[in-house]
Amino acid sequence: MDQIEYYLERKKLLEDEIAKFEEELKAMPEGTIIYNRTIKNGKAYFSWYKQIEKSGTRTRTSLSRKNHLEEASNLARKKFIKSLLDDKYNELQCVNYFLCHRKAEKYTALLDDNSPYHELLCSNDFKGKEWEYLEYNKSTDYPKHLIIPAPKGDLVRSKSEAMIAQVLFSHQIPYRYEEIHDIDGHSIATDFTVLHPKTKEIKLWEHLGLSDKTNYQQTIEFKMIHYLRAGYLPGHDLILTFEDKARPFSYLDAEEVVKKYFL
């Protein structure tokens, strides 16, 4: 998934959320909630009022905790939704502007082997390019799950992995997908084996995308035990990213990780 695809998905999500909250807003009671604050013995106390404006005239009705708490809660929810919608409208406007004006340059074509500038641009990075495209011991497990296109022409297993591959590729950081390593005597296919573009150090990147699934948690535990026993240190030569159904991994998350560890 590249930037354009990410923002197209974000646009659709925002539009759906806006429609949902607008419908909820229609069912909200008339009026606006306002408050009054008083200080007693150094402590703040709040009282609430319902304010209605008609023909330029404002009327206020007290909302007591004893008799009007539900109405006050509904009006507070209404105020919250209006503020939330303002934020969603603003983000959608920004996303639409991006989609209208973003024009991606095909700068990676300058690095191709047949480019007249290849020798000039890649001479200092030959080790990385050579390493990246040499044959390696790659996992052949569950080939039917390799369904998401990645930027080097290969296939990966999830949208999140495709985002990681895209970000690495866009920053010209050499990587191998699902290279099998001997980790504490066990053959483990690491999601991404990455060659640091400056230090030439190898870092392993595991994206644990089903963290809320009980059966997958056993796989996570197995991998972590053997990475640690083999001397890999999370945050140093082992990069770990996570997601679950409630907290999906995004293109921007991938950018932040690459920025932190490789740029």
Foldseek 3Di string as FASTA:
>chain_A
DDPLVQLVVVLVVLVVVLVVLVVVLVPFDDFAKDWDWDADPNDIDIWIWGWHDDPNDIDIDTQDCVPRVVNNVSRVVSVVSVVVSVVSVVVSVVSVVCNVPDDDDPVCVCCDPPHPCVCVPCVVQVVLVVVQPDDAAADPPPPVQFDDAADVGGGDRDPLLNLLRNLCVVVVWRKDAQGWDCFQNDTGRFGIWTQQRPPRDTATEHEAEACVDPVVVVVVVVVVVRNVVSPHDDPARYDYHYYHPVGGDGSVNSNVVCVVPHD
